[in-house]
Amino acid sequence: MTAETYVRQILKKVHCSSAKKTEIKKQLLADIKERTAQGETLEDVLSRMGTVQEVADSFHENISQAEQKKYKRNRRLKWAAAIIVLFAALVYLMYWMIPKAKPVANSKIFSGAAVEEKLMETIRLLDSGDYDALQKMSGAQMAEILTGEKMEPIKQRFCNDWGAQKNAGNAEIMEVLQRGKYFAVCQVTVTYENTSVTYTISFDESMKIAGLYMK
């Protein structure tokens, strides 16, 4: 154990003000330095001074009960303050992560008509299997997903042959703020000759496809 480690462990156990701890630290290090300069080994010096707890107890004998109680009270207050700050940070993090939505009509970023047009274009390209075009319309992450290899098996889970598109319901479009980013999130149910699919498709602020879910 080094002299600095020994003194640091003692200071952790001494209940007093920071100023007094600074004095104690200087006193202990000076005492150790003087003894080792006289030829004693550090191991012998620390052994003769006593264990960490014994040295801390010896300092407590000269520290008033009032100061020790004040130290403990301040320590509790610091812990309480740290907990409050941590709780506030967690609340803010949860608020930041939880999506916050409002109708696209109230959006200052997205045009409802433009989003709906992009939505229906995306669905038409999915119907025709034009994945090259879909990838060009997508962000980097979605471009890796919107491939024939990955999407065709998903489409076949509904049925092997959807048939022609018959009609599309009214699209519900919301502006969603999540993790500091805005998205236009759309949901619409499309009926085909042999099945029906509810699409949930989101676009980022650049109108790139950011998410796609079908059920």
Protein backbone atom coordinates (compact mmCIF):
# COMPACT_ATOMS: atom_id res chain seq x y z
CA MET A 1 0.00 0.00 0.00
CA THR A 2 1.30 3.46 -0.86
CA ALA A 3 1.28 6.37 1.58
CA GLU A 4 -1.32 8.18 -0.53
CA THR A 5 -3.66 5.18 -0.51
CA TYR A 6 -3.27 4.74 3.25
CA VAL A 7 -4.05 8.40 3.93
CA ARG A 8 -6.96 8.44 1.49
CA GLN A 9 -8.58 5.46 3.22
CA ILE A 10 -8.19 7.17 6.59
CA LEU A 11 -9.80 10.38 5.34
CA LYS A 12 -12.83 8.42 4.12
CA LYS A 13 -13.48 7.34 7.70
CA VAL A 14 -12.87 10.67 9.39
CA HIS A 15 -16.07 12.69 9.90
CA CYS A 16 -15.07 16.33 9.64
CA SER A 17 -15.04 19.32 7.31
CA SER A 18 -13.08 19.38 4.06
CA ALA A 19 -10.71 21.99 5.48
CA LYS A 20 -9.86 19.80 8.46
CA LYS A 21 -9.41 16.77 6.18
CA THR A 22 -6.88 18.78 4.17
CA GLU A 23 -4.97 19.52 7.40
CA ILE A 24 -5.06 15.86 8.42
CA LYS A 25 -3.83 14.78 5.00
CA LYS A 26 -0.88 17.18 5.14
CA GLN A 27 -0.06 16.09 8.68
CA LEU A 28 -0.11 12.38 7.89
CA LEU A 29 1.88 12.62 4.66
CA ALA A 30 4.47 14.86 6.31
CA ASP A 31 4.81 12.43 9.22
CA ILE A 32 5.24 9.45 6.87
CA LYS A 33 7.76 11.34 4.73
CA GLU A 34 9.81 12.34 7.79
CA ARG A 35 9.96 8.79 9.14
CA THR A 36 10.92 7.21 5.82
CA ALA A 37 13.58 9.90 5.37
CA GLN A 38 15.09 8.72 8.65
CA GLY A 39 15.54 5.25 7.21
CA GLU A 40 12.34 3.43 8.19
CA THR A 41 10.60 1.43 5.51
CA LEU A 42 7.13 2.54 4.48
CA GLU A 43 5.75 -0.81 5.64
CA ASP A 44 7.20 -0.31 9.14
CA VAL A 45 5.93 3.27 9.34
CA LEU A 46 2.37 2.33 8.42
CA SER A 47 2.45 -0.64 10.77
CA ARG A 48 3.50 1.52 13.73
CA MET A 49 0.93 4.22 12.92
CA GLY A 50 -1.85 1.63 13.13
CA THR A 51 -4.66 0.38 10.98
CA VAL A 52 -6.77 2.76 8.94
CA GLN A 53 -9.63 2.49 11.44
CA GLU A 54 -7.36 3.00 14.44
CA VAL A 55 -5.87 6.20 13.00
CA ALA A 56 -9.34 7.50 12.02
CA ASP A 57 -10.60 6.81 15.55
CA SER A 58 -7.66 8.69 17.05
CA PHE A 59 -8.58 11.79 15.02
CA HIS A 60 -12.20 11.49 16.08
CA GLU A 61 -11.13 11.97 19.67
CA ASN A 62 -10.19 15.55 18.80
CA ILE A 63 -13.23 16.28 16.64
CA SER A 64 -16.33 17.54 18.45
CA GLN A 65 -19.56 15.59 18.30
CA ALA A 66 -21.22 18.66 16.81
CA GLU A 67 -18.80 18.69 13.87
CA GLN A 68 -19.19 14.93 13.32
CA LYS A 69 -22.99 15.29 13.33
CA LYS A 70 -22.73 18.20 10.88
CA TYR A 71 -20.54 16.08 8.60
CA LYS A 72 -23.08 13.22 8.64
CA ARG A 73 -25.96 15.63 8.00
CA ASN A 74 -24.17 17.25 5.06
CA ARG A 75 -23.32 13.83 3.67
CA ARG A 76 -27.00 12.82 3.78
CA LEU A 77 -27.97 16.09 2.09
CA LYS A 78 -25.44 15.48 -0.68
CA TRP A 79 -26.81 11.97 -1.24
CA ALA A 80 -30.36 13.33 -1.30
CA ALA A 81 -29.37 16.02 -3.80
CA ALA A 82 -27.65 13.44 -5.99
CA ILE A 83 -30.75 11.24 -5.94
CA ILE A 84 -32.98 14.18 -6.85
CA VAL A 85 -30.71 15.13 -9.76
CA LEU A 86 -30.63 11.51 -10.95
CA PHE A 87 -34.42 11.24 -10.71
CA ALA A 88 -34.84 14.47 -12.68
CA ALA A 89 -32.42 13.19 -15.32
CA LEU A 90 -34.36 9.92 -15.61
CA VAL A 91 -37.65 11.79 -15.95
CA TYR A 92 -36.19 13.95 -18.71
CA LEU A 93 -34.72 10.88 -20.45
CA MET A 94 -38.09 9.10 -20.36
CA TYR A 95 -39.81 12.24 -21.67
CA TRP A 96 -37.19 12.48 -24.43
CA MET A 97 -37.56 8.82 -25.42
CA ILE A 98 -41.36 8.51 -25.25
CA PRO A 99 -42.94 9.48 -28.60
CA LYS A 100 -45.08 12.64 -28.54
CA ALA A 101 -47.66 12.87 -31.28
CA LYS A 102 -49.98 15.49 -32.73
CA PRO A 103 -52.12 15.66 -35.89
CA VAL A 104 -50.13 16.43 -39.02
CA ALA A 105 -52.52 19.34 -39.66
CA ASN A 106 -50.81 21.11 -36.73
CA SER A 107 -47.32 20.35 -37.99
CA LYS A 108 -44.89 23.07 -39.04
CA ILE A 109 -42.64 20.48 -40.69
CA PHE A 110 -44.86 18.16 -42.71
CA SER A 111 -47.59 18.81 -45.26
CA GLY A 112 -50.43 16.33 -44.84
CA ALA A 113 -51.10 16.19 -48.57
CA ALA A 114 -47.44 15.63 -49.43
CA VAL A 115 -47.12 12.90 -46.80
CA GLU A 116 -50.24 11.12 -48.03
CA GLU A 117 -48.98 11.27 -51.61
CA LYS A 118 -45.65 9.76 -50.50
CA LEU A 119 -47.51 7.11 -48.50
CA MET A 120 -49.58 5.93 -51.45
CA GLU A 121 -46.53 6.00 -53.74
CA THR A 122 -44.70 3.76 -51.26
CA ILE A 123 -47.60 1.30 -51.23
CA ARG A 124 -47.80 1.25 -55.03
CA LEU A 125 -44.09 0.43 -55.24
CA LEU A 126 -44.52 -2.33 -52.65
CA ASP A 127 -47.41 -3.75 -54.68
CA SER A 128 -45.33 -3.78 -57.86
CA GLY A 129 -42.20 -5.06 -56.13
CA ASP A 130 -40.09 -2.10 -57.28
CA TYR A 131 -37.56 -2.35 -54.47
CA ASP A 132 -34.89 -0.34 -56.28
CA ALA A 133 -37.21 2.66 -56.25
CA LEU A 134 -38.14 2.02 -52.62
CA GLN A 135 -34.49 1.93 -51.58
CA LYS A 136 -33.90 5.30 -53.25
CA MET A 137 -36.80 6.69 -51.21
CA SER A 138 -35.47 5.28 -47.93
CA GLY A 139 -33.00 6.12 -45.25
CA ALA A 140 -29.89 3.94 -44.99
CA GLN A 141 -31.36 1.53 -42.43
CA MET A 142 -34.63 0.98 -44.29
CA ALA A 143 -32.84 0.62 -47.62
CA GLU A 144 -31.22 -2.55 -46.26
CA ILE A 145 -34.66 -3.93 -45.35
CA LEU A 146 -36.62 -2.97 -48.45
CA THR A 147 -35.23 -5.67 -50.72
CA GLY A 148 -37.08 -8.40 -52.55
CA GLU A 149 -35.23 -11.03 -50.57
CA LYS A 150 -36.57 -9.70 -47.27
CA MET A 151 -39.94 -8.25 -48.25
CA GLU A 152 -41.41 -10.94 -50.52
CA PRO A 153 -41.51 -13.60 -47.76
CA ILE A 154 -43.27 -11.08 -45.51
CA LYS A 155 -45.86 -10.32 -48.18
CA GLN A 156 -46.47 -14.03 -48.73
CA ARG A 157 -47.45 -14.45 -45.09
CA PHE A 158 -50.72 -12.72 -45.94
CA CYS A 159 -51.31 -14.85 -49.04
CA ASN A 160 -49.40 -15.93 -52.12
CA ASP A 161 -51.41 -13.76 -54.49
CA TRP A 162 -52.86 -10.52 -53.14
CA GLY A 163 -54.59 -9.67 -56.39
CA ALA A 164 -55.18 -6.14 -57.62
CA GLN A 165 -55.66 -3.27 -55.21
CA LYS A 166 -59.36 -2.48 -54.83
CA ASN A 167 -59.44 0.51 -52.49
CA ALA A 168 -57.61 2.29 -49.71
CA GLY A 169 -59.18 3.66 -46.55
CA ASN A 170 -58.61 7.11 -45.12
CA ALA A 171 -55.03 7.61 -44.04
CA GLU A 172 -54.36 8.67 -40.47
CA ILE A 173 -51.24 10.82 -40.29
CA MET A 174 -49.54 12.10 -37.16
CA GLU A 175 -46.39 14.10 -36.50
CA VAL A 176 -44.30 12.26 -33.90
CA LEU A 177 -41.36 13.66 -31.97
CA GLN A 178 -39.05 11.00 -30.55
CA ARG A 179 -35.48 11.36 -29.29
CA GLY A 180 -35.27 14.84 -30.71
CA LYS A 181 -36.31 13.82 -34.23
CA TYR A 182 -39.57 14.44 -36.09
CA PHE A 183 -41.40 11.81 -38.12
CA ALA A 184 -44.64 11.67 -40.08
CA VAL A 185 -46.31 8.40 -39.08
CA CYS A 186 -49.10 7.14 -41.34
CA GLN A 187 -51.56 4.30 -41.03
CA VAL A 188 -53.92 3.13 -43.75
CA THR A 189 -55.76 -0.08 -44.57
CA VAL A 190 -55.67 -1.20 -48.19
CA THR A 191 -58.02 -3.85 -49.58
CA TYR A 192 -56.86 -6.19 -52.34
CA GLU A 193 -58.78 -8.84 -54.24
CA ASN A 194 -57.58 -11.64 -51.94
CA THR A 195 -56.49 -9.93 -48.73
CA SER A 196 -56.33 -6.65 -46.86
CA VAL A 197 -53.26 -5.04 -45.30
CA THR A 198 -52.91 -2.31 -42.71
CA TYR A 199 -49.75 -0.32 -43.34
CA THR A 200 -47.93 1.78 -40.77
CA ILE A 201 -45.28 3.77 -42.58
CA SER A 202 -43.17 6.60 -41.23
CA PHE A 203 -41.13 9.28 -42.98
CA ASP A 204 -38.34 11.43 -41.61
CA GLU A 205 -38.04 15.19 -42.07
CA SER A 206 -36.45 14.62 -45.50
CA MET A 207 -39.45 12.49 -46.45
CA LYS A 208 -37.32 9.37 -46.57
CA ILE A 209 -38.97 6.11 -45.48
CA ALA A 210 -37.94 5.60 -41.85
CA GLY A 211 -40.15 2.68 -40.85
CA LEU A 212 -42.62 0.20 -42.29
CA TYR A 213 -44.95 -2.30 -40.64
CA MET A 214 -47.70 -4.43 -42.19
CA LYS A 215 -50.43 -6.41 -40.49
